[in-house]
Amino acid sequence: MSETLVNLIYTLAVAIGQATVPIVAGAARGADVAEARRSVVAGGGVALCGVGTLGLILVLFGHWTVPLFSDDASLQPQLEDQLPLVFAVVVTDALQAIAGFGMLGLRRTFPSLVSTAVFFGLLCLSAVPVAEAGGLTALWSALICANLLQAITKGVIFHRHSARLAAEQPSLAT
């Protein structure tokens, strides 16, 4: 159930991220570093507002939402308790996605792919021990950390690659 909710809400961040790609690409073609960065920051802000609002509604009204996904009365309280973690997963996932789509707009997807592979690879390697040690709560927390580390890494990578826009443009003097 929690994964379904994450995916439903994450769809909003993906749509917003996809909408930033042509704006960033246009700024990259014009070597407009500031516009490329503004586009990603604006996309991140819109994604955080949208995802944050949906996630907050989910947390606040979880007692009405959870029964839509499970009619098991003994399981419902546990699912409601996980909703704040679901909220954090979606917010951190939205942040990393927007930065990743910014990299797509710059046509520099490999560093973003490496970031995803590294942090989700580490998550994959640690999933069983983490789950055995702390259960589902620890596993969701590990996913939050992986998403946050991706968001930070992709943000730094985007900043570095966007700074190179002006240097990569052919000289107009010739």
C-alpha atoms as a PDB file:
ATOM      1  CA  MET A   1       0.000   0.000   0.000  1.00  0.00           C
ATOM      2  CA  SER A   2       2.722   2.476   0.956  1.00  0.00           C
ATOM      3  CA  GLU A   3       4.626   1.866  -2.255  1.00  0.00           C
ATOM      4  CA  THR A   4       1.461   2.452  -4.274  1.00  0.00           C
ATOM      5  CA  LEU A   5       0.924   5.793  -2.554  1.00  0.00           C
ATOM      6  CA  VAL A   6       4.550   6.782  -3.121  1.00  0.00           C
ATOM      7  CA  ASN A   7       4.252   5.998  -6.817  1.00  0.00           C
ATOM      8  CA  LEU A   8       0.960   7.850  -7.205  1.00  0.00           C
ATOM      9  CA  ILE A   9       2.307  11.009  -5.588  1.00  0.00           C
ATOM     10  CA  TYR A  10       5.721  10.711  -7.254  1.00  0.00           C
ATOM     11  CA  THR A  11       3.978  10.876 -10.633  1.00  0.00           C
ATOM     12  CA  LEU A  12       3.403  14.585  -9.986  1.00  0.00           C
ATOM     13  CA  ALA A  13       7.133  15.177  -9.475  1.00  0.00           C
ATOM     14  CA  VAL A  14       7.924  13.278 -12.674  1.00  0.00           C
ATOM     15  CA  ALA A  15       5.458  15.389 -14.655  1.00  0.00           C
ATOM     16  CA  ILE A  16       6.938  18.599 -13.274  1.00  0.00           C
ATOM     17  CA  GLY A  17      10.474  17.364 -13.898  1.00  0.00           C
ATOM     18  CA  GLN A  18       9.607  16.498 -17.484  1.00  0.00           C
ATOM     19  CA  ALA A  19       8.168  19.966 -17.959  1.00  0.00           C
ATOM     20  CA  THR A  20      11.481  21.529 -16.899  1.00  0.00           C
ATOM     21  CA  VAL A  21      13.537  19.610 -19.471  1.00  0.00           C
ATOM     22  CA  PRO A  22      12.727  21.778 -22.526  1.00  0.00           C
ATOM     23  CA  ILE A  23      13.208  24.964 -20.490  1.00  0.00           C
ATOM     24  CA  VAL A  24      16.613  23.840 -19.232  1.00  0.00           C
ATOM     25  CA  ALA A  25      17.536  22.620 -22.722  1.00  0.00           C
ATOM     26  CA  GLY A  26      16.633  26.002 -24.207  1.00  0.00           C
ATOM     27  CA  ALA A  27      18.686  27.784 -21.572  1.00  0.00           C
ATOM     28  CA  ALA A  28      21.581  25.409 -22.255  1.00  0.00           C
ATOM     29  CA  ARG A  29      21.439  26.145 -25.986  1.00  0.00           C
ATOM     30  CA  GLY A  30      21.614  29.845 -25.180  1.00  0.00           C
ATOM     31  CA  ALA A  31      24.367  29.326 -22.597  1.00  0.00           C
ATOM     32  CA  ASP A  32      22.102  30.957 -20.009  1.00  0.00           C
ATOM     33  CA  VAL A  33      23.389  29.470 -16.770  1.00  0.00           C
ATOM     34  CA  ALA A  34      21.077  31.546 -14.593  1.00  0.00           C
ATOM     35  CA  GLU A  35      17.964  30.520 -16.547  1.00  0.00           C
ATOM     36  CA  ALA A  36      18.901  26.834 -16.449  1.00  0.00           C
ATOM     37  CA  ARG A  37      19.367  27.002 -12.697  1.00  0.00           C
ATOM     38  CA  ARG A  38      16.205  29.063 -12.165  1.00  0.00           C
ATOM     39  CA  SER A  39      14.238  26.485 -14.116  1.00  0.00           C
ATOM     40  CA  VAL A  40      15.410  23.630 -11.931  1.00  0.00           C
ATOM     41  CA  VAL A  41      14.887  25.617  -8.726  1.00  0.00           C
ATOM     42  CA  ALA A  42      11.396  26.628  -9.870  1.00  0.00           C
ATOM     43  CA  GLY A  43      10.602  23.043 -10.858  1.00  0.00           C
ATOM     44  CA  GLY A  44      11.818  21.877  -7.469  1.00  0.00           C
ATOM     45  CA  GLY A  45       9.667  24.466  -5.729  1.00  0.00           C
ATOM     46  CA  VAL A  46       6.558  23.503  -7.681  1.00  0.00           C
ATOM     47  CA  ALA A  47       7.250  19.799  -7.142  1.00  0.00           C
ATOM     48  CA  LEU A  48       7.787  20.297  -3.417  1.00  0.00           C
ATOM     49  CA  CYS A  49       4.570  22.295  -3.126  1.00  0.00           C
ATOM     50  CA  GLY A  50       2.560  19.718  -5.039  1.00  0.00           C
ATOM     51  CA  VAL A  51       4.108  16.597  -3.573  1.00  0.00           C
ATOM     52  CA  GLY A  52       4.272  18.178  -0.142  1.00  0.00           C
ATOM     53  CA  THR A  53       0.599  19.102  -0.240  1.00  0.00           C
ATOM     54  CA  LEU A  54      -0.486  15.648  -1.386  1.00  0.00           C
ATOM     55  CA  GLY A  55       1.799  13.994   1.161  1.00  0.00           C
ATOM     56  CA  LEU A  56       0.548  16.194   3.973  1.00  0.00           C
ATOM     57  CA  ILE A  57      -3.062  15.455   3.055  1.00  0.00           C
ATOM     58  CA  LEU A  58      -2.184  11.779   3.075  1.00  0.00           C
ATOM     59  CA  VAL A  59      -0.651  12.016   6.548  1.00  0.00           C
ATOM     60  CA  LEU A  60      -3.454  14.159   7.982  1.00  0.00           C
ATOM     61  CA  PHE A  61      -6.269  12.097   6.485  1.00  0.00           C
ATOM     62  CA  GLY A  62      -4.598   8.699   6.626  1.00  0.00           C
ATOM     63  CA  HIS A  63      -7.399   7.204   8.679  1.00  0.00           C
ATOM     64  CA  TRP A  64      -9.656   7.696   5.627  1.00  0.00           C
ATOM     65  CA  THR A  65      -7.048   6.837   2.991  1.00  0.00           C
ATOM     66  CA  VAL A  66      -5.648   3.610   4.431  1.00  0.00           C
ATOM     67  CA  PRO A  67      -8.983   1.715   4.314  1.00  0.00           C
ATOM     68  CA  LEU A  68      -9.065   2.320   0.551  1.00  0.00           C
ATOM     69  CA  PHE A  69      -5.962   0.128   0.269  1.00  0.00           C
ATOM     70  CA  SER A  70      -6.556  -2.439   3.023  1.00  0.00           C
ATOM     71  CA  ASP A  71      -9.634  -3.692   4.783  1.00  0.00           C
ATOM     72  CA  ASP A  72      -7.538  -5.581   7.361  1.00  0.00           C
ATOM     73  CA  ALA A  73      -8.379  -3.777  10.607  1.00  0.00           C
ATOM     74  CA  SER A  74      -5.315  -5.181  12.360  1.00  0.00           C
ATOM     75  CA  LEU A  75      -2.984  -3.881   9.622  1.00  0.00           C
ATOM     76  CA  GLN A  76      -4.494  -0.411   9.195  1.00  0.00           C
ATOM     77  CA  PRO A  77      -2.873   1.213  12.270  1.00  0.00           C
ATOM     78  CA  GLN A  78       0.567   0.030  11.138  1.00  0.00           C
ATOM     79  CA  LEU A  79      -0.044   1.460   7.681  1.00  0.00           C
ATOM     80  CA  GLU A  80      -1.167   4.780   9.157  1.00  0.00           C
ATOM     81  CA  ASP A  81       1.987   4.881  11.275  1.00  0.00           C
ATOM     82  CA  GLN A  82       4.100   4.554   8.107  1.00  0.00           C
ATOM     83  CA  LEU A  83       2.484   7.510   6.343  1.00  0.00           C
ATOM     84  CA  PRO A  84       4.990  10.104   7.651  1.00  0.00           C
ATOM     85  CA  LEU A  85       7.769   7.923   6.223  1.00  0.00           C
ATOM     86  CA  VAL A  86       5.899   7.696   2.928  1.00  0.00           C
ATOM     87  CA  PHE A  87       5.666  11.497   2.965  1.00  0.00           C
ATOM     88  CA  ALA A  88       9.434  11.832   3.499  1.00  0.00           C
ATOM     89  CA  VAL A  89      10.215   9.276   0.776  1.00  0.00           C
ATOM     90  CA  VAL A  90       8.077  11.140  -1.748  1.00  0.00           C
ATOM     91  CA  VAL A  91       9.550  14.556  -0.904  1.00  0.00           C
ATOM     92  CA  THR A  92      13.151  13.359  -1.134  1.00  0.00           C
ATOM     93  CA  ASP A  93      12.382  11.391  -4.285  1.00  0.00           C
ATOM     94  CA  ALA A  94      10.849  14.504  -5.866  1.00  0.00           C
ATOM     95  CA  LEU A  95      13.984  16.506  -5.097  1.00  0.00           C
ATOM     96  CA  GLN A  96      16.309  13.979  -6.695  1.00  0.00           C
ATOM     97  CA  ALA A  97      14.019  13.606  -9.699  1.00  0.00           C
ATOM     98  CA  ILE A  98      13.918  17.327 -10.458  1.00  0.00           C
ATOM     99  CA  ALA A  99      17.710  17.564 -10.328  1.00  0.00           C
ATOM    100  CA  GLY A 100      17.923  14.474 -12.546  1.00  0.00           C
ATOM    101  CA  PHE A 101      15.562  16.003 -15.095  1.00  0.00           C
ATOM    102  CA  GLY A 102      17.696  19.150 -14.999  1.00  0.00           C
ATOM    103  CA  MET A 103      20.645  17.009 -16.020  1.00  0.00           C
ATOM    104  CA  LEU A 104      18.535  15.586 -18.836  1.00  0.00           C
ATOM    105  CA  GLY A 105      17.906  19.147 -20.032  1.00  0.00           C
ATOM    106  CA  LEU A 106      21.668  19.718 -20.061  1.00  0.00           C
ATOM    107  CA  ARG A 107      22.134  16.445 -21.973  1.00  0.00           C
ATOM    108  CA  ARG A 108      24.371  15.153 -19.211  1.00  0.00           C
ATOM    109  CA  THR A 109      22.519  12.062 -18.046  1.00  0.00           C
ATOM    110  CA  PHE A 110      25.426   9.766 -17.217  1.00  0.00           C
ATOM    111  CA  PRO A 111      26.409  11.473 -13.923  1.00  0.00           C
ATOM    112  CA  SER A 112      22.777  11.318 -12.810  1.00  0.00           C
ATOM    113  CA  LEU A 113      22.641   7.636 -13.706  1.00  0.00           C
ATOM    114  CA  VAL A 114      25.820   7.000 -11.716  1.00  0.00           C
ATOM    115  CA  SER A 115      24.326   8.752  -8.679  1.00  0.00           C
ATOM    116  CA  THR A 116      21.209   6.587  -8.882  1.00  0.00           C
ATOM    117  CA  ALA A 117      23.244   3.423  -9.373  1.00  0.00           C
ATOM    118  CA  VAL A 118      25.536   4.175  -6.432  1.00  0.00           C
ATOM    119  CA  PHE A 119      22.908   5.084  -3.873  1.00  0.00           C
ATOM    120  CA  PHE A 120      20.274   2.563  -4.923  1.00  0.00           C
ATOM    121  CA  GLY A 121      23.026  -0.038  -5.244  1.00  0.00           C
ATOM    122  CA  LEU A 122      24.052   0.633  -1.647  1.00  0.00           C
ATOM    123  CA  LEU A 123      20.396   0.491  -0.639  1.00  0.00           C
ATOM    124  CA  CYS A 124      20.039  -2.835  -2.412  1.00  0.00           C
ATOM    125  CA  LEU A 125      23.126  -4.264  -0.711  1.00  0.00           C
ATOM    126  CA  SER A 126      21.961  -3.114   2.717  1.00  0.00           C
ATOM    127  CA  ALA A 127      18.231  -3.848   2.392  1.00  0.00           C
ATOM    128  CA  VAL A 128      18.183  -7.266   4.043  1.00  0.00           C
ATOM    129  CA  PRO A 129      20.393  -6.373   7.022  1.00  0.00           C
ATOM    130  CA  VAL A 130      18.535  -3.080   7.506  1.00  0.00           C
ATOM    131  CA  ALA A 131      15.149  -4.809   7.360  1.00  0.00           C
ATOM    132  CA  GLU A 132      16.300  -7.527   9.759  1.00  0.00           C
ATOM    133  CA  ALA A 133      17.604  -4.937  12.202  1.00  0.00           C
ATOM    134  CA  GLY A 134      14.749  -2.440  12.103  1.00  0.00           C
ATOM    135  CA  GLY A 135      11.930  -3.821  10.017  1.00  0.00           C
ATOM    136  CA  LEU A 136       9.960  -1.895   7.469  1.00  0.00           C
ATOM    137  CA  THR A 137      10.460   1.411   9.277  1.00  0.00           C
ATOM    138  CA  ALA A 138      14.235   1.095   8.946  1.00  0.00           C
ATOM    139  CA  LEU A 139      13.906   0.121   5.304  1.00  0.00           C
ATOM    140  CA  TRP A 140      11.759   3.181   4.519  1.00  0.00           C
ATOM    141  CA  SER A 141      14.265   5.313   6.430  1.00  0.00           C
ATOM    142  CA  ALA A 142      17.108   3.885   4.348  1.00  0.00           C
ATOM    143  CA  LEU A 143      15.176   4.783   1.195  1.00  0.00           C
ATOM    144  CA  ILE A 144      14.765   8.340   2.496  1.00  0.00           C
ATOM    145  CA  CYS A 145      18.542   8.532   3.007  1.00  0.00           C
ATOM    146  CA  ALA A 146      19.253   7.127  -0.478  1.00  0.00           C
ATOM    147  CA  ASN A 147      16.875   9.660  -2.048  1.00  0.00           C
ATOM    148  CA  LEU A 148      18.308  12.544  -0.043  1.00  0.00           C
ATOM    149  CA  LEU A 149      21.875  11.615  -0.967  1.00  0.00           C
ATOM    150  CA  GLN A 150      20.820  11.408  -4.612  1.00  0.00           C
ATOM    151  CA  ALA A 151      19.138  14.812  -4.396  1.00  0.00           C
ATOM    152  CA  ILE A 152      22.265  16.392  -2.938  1.00  0.00           C
ATOM    153  CA  THR A 153      24.595  14.662  -5.391  1.00  0.00           C
ATOM    154  CA  LYS A 154      22.461  15.451  -8.423  1.00  0.00           C
ATOM    155  CA  GLY A 155      22.048  19.050  -7.275  1.00  0.00           C
ATOM    156  CA  VAL A 156      25.807  19.483  -7.009  1.00  0.00           C
ATOM    157  CA  ILE A 157      26.341  17.753 -10.348  1.00  0.00           C
ATOM    158  CA  PHE A 158      23.715  19.970 -12.001  1.00  0.00           C
ATOM    159  CA  HIS A 159      25.332  23.075 -10.543  1.00  0.00           C
ATOM    160  CA  ARG A 160      28.757  22.055 -11.863  1.00  0.00           C
ATOM    161  CA  HIS A 161      27.550  21.097 -15.320  1.00  0.00           C
ATOM    162  CA  SER A 162      25.350  24.172 -15.706  1.00  0.00           C
ATOM    163  CA  ALA A 163      28.361  26.358 -14.862  1.00  0.00           C
ATOM    164  CA  ARG A 164      30.115  24.933 -17.921  1.00  0.00           C
ATOM    165  CA  LEU A 165      27.403  26.091 -20.346  1.00  0.00           C
ATOM    166  CA  ALA A 166      29.081  29.338 -21.365  1.00  0.00           C
ATOM    167  CA  ALA A 167      32.479  27.699 -21.805  1.00  0.00           C
ATOM    168  CA  GLU A 168      31.043  24.999 -24.089  1.00  0.00           C
ATOM    169  CA  GLN A 169      29.393  27.439 -26.520  1.00  0.00           C
ATOM    170  CA  PRO A 170      31.228  28.069 -29.795  1.00  0.00           C
ATOM    171  CA  SER A 171      32.653  31.542 -30.137  1.00  0.00           C
ATOM    172  CA  LEU A 172      30.555  33.986 -32.119  1.00  0.00           C
ATOM    173  CA  ALA A 173      33.666  35.999 -33.057  1.00  0.00           C
ATOM    174  CA  THR A 174      34.627  33.656 -35.909  1.00  0.00           C
END
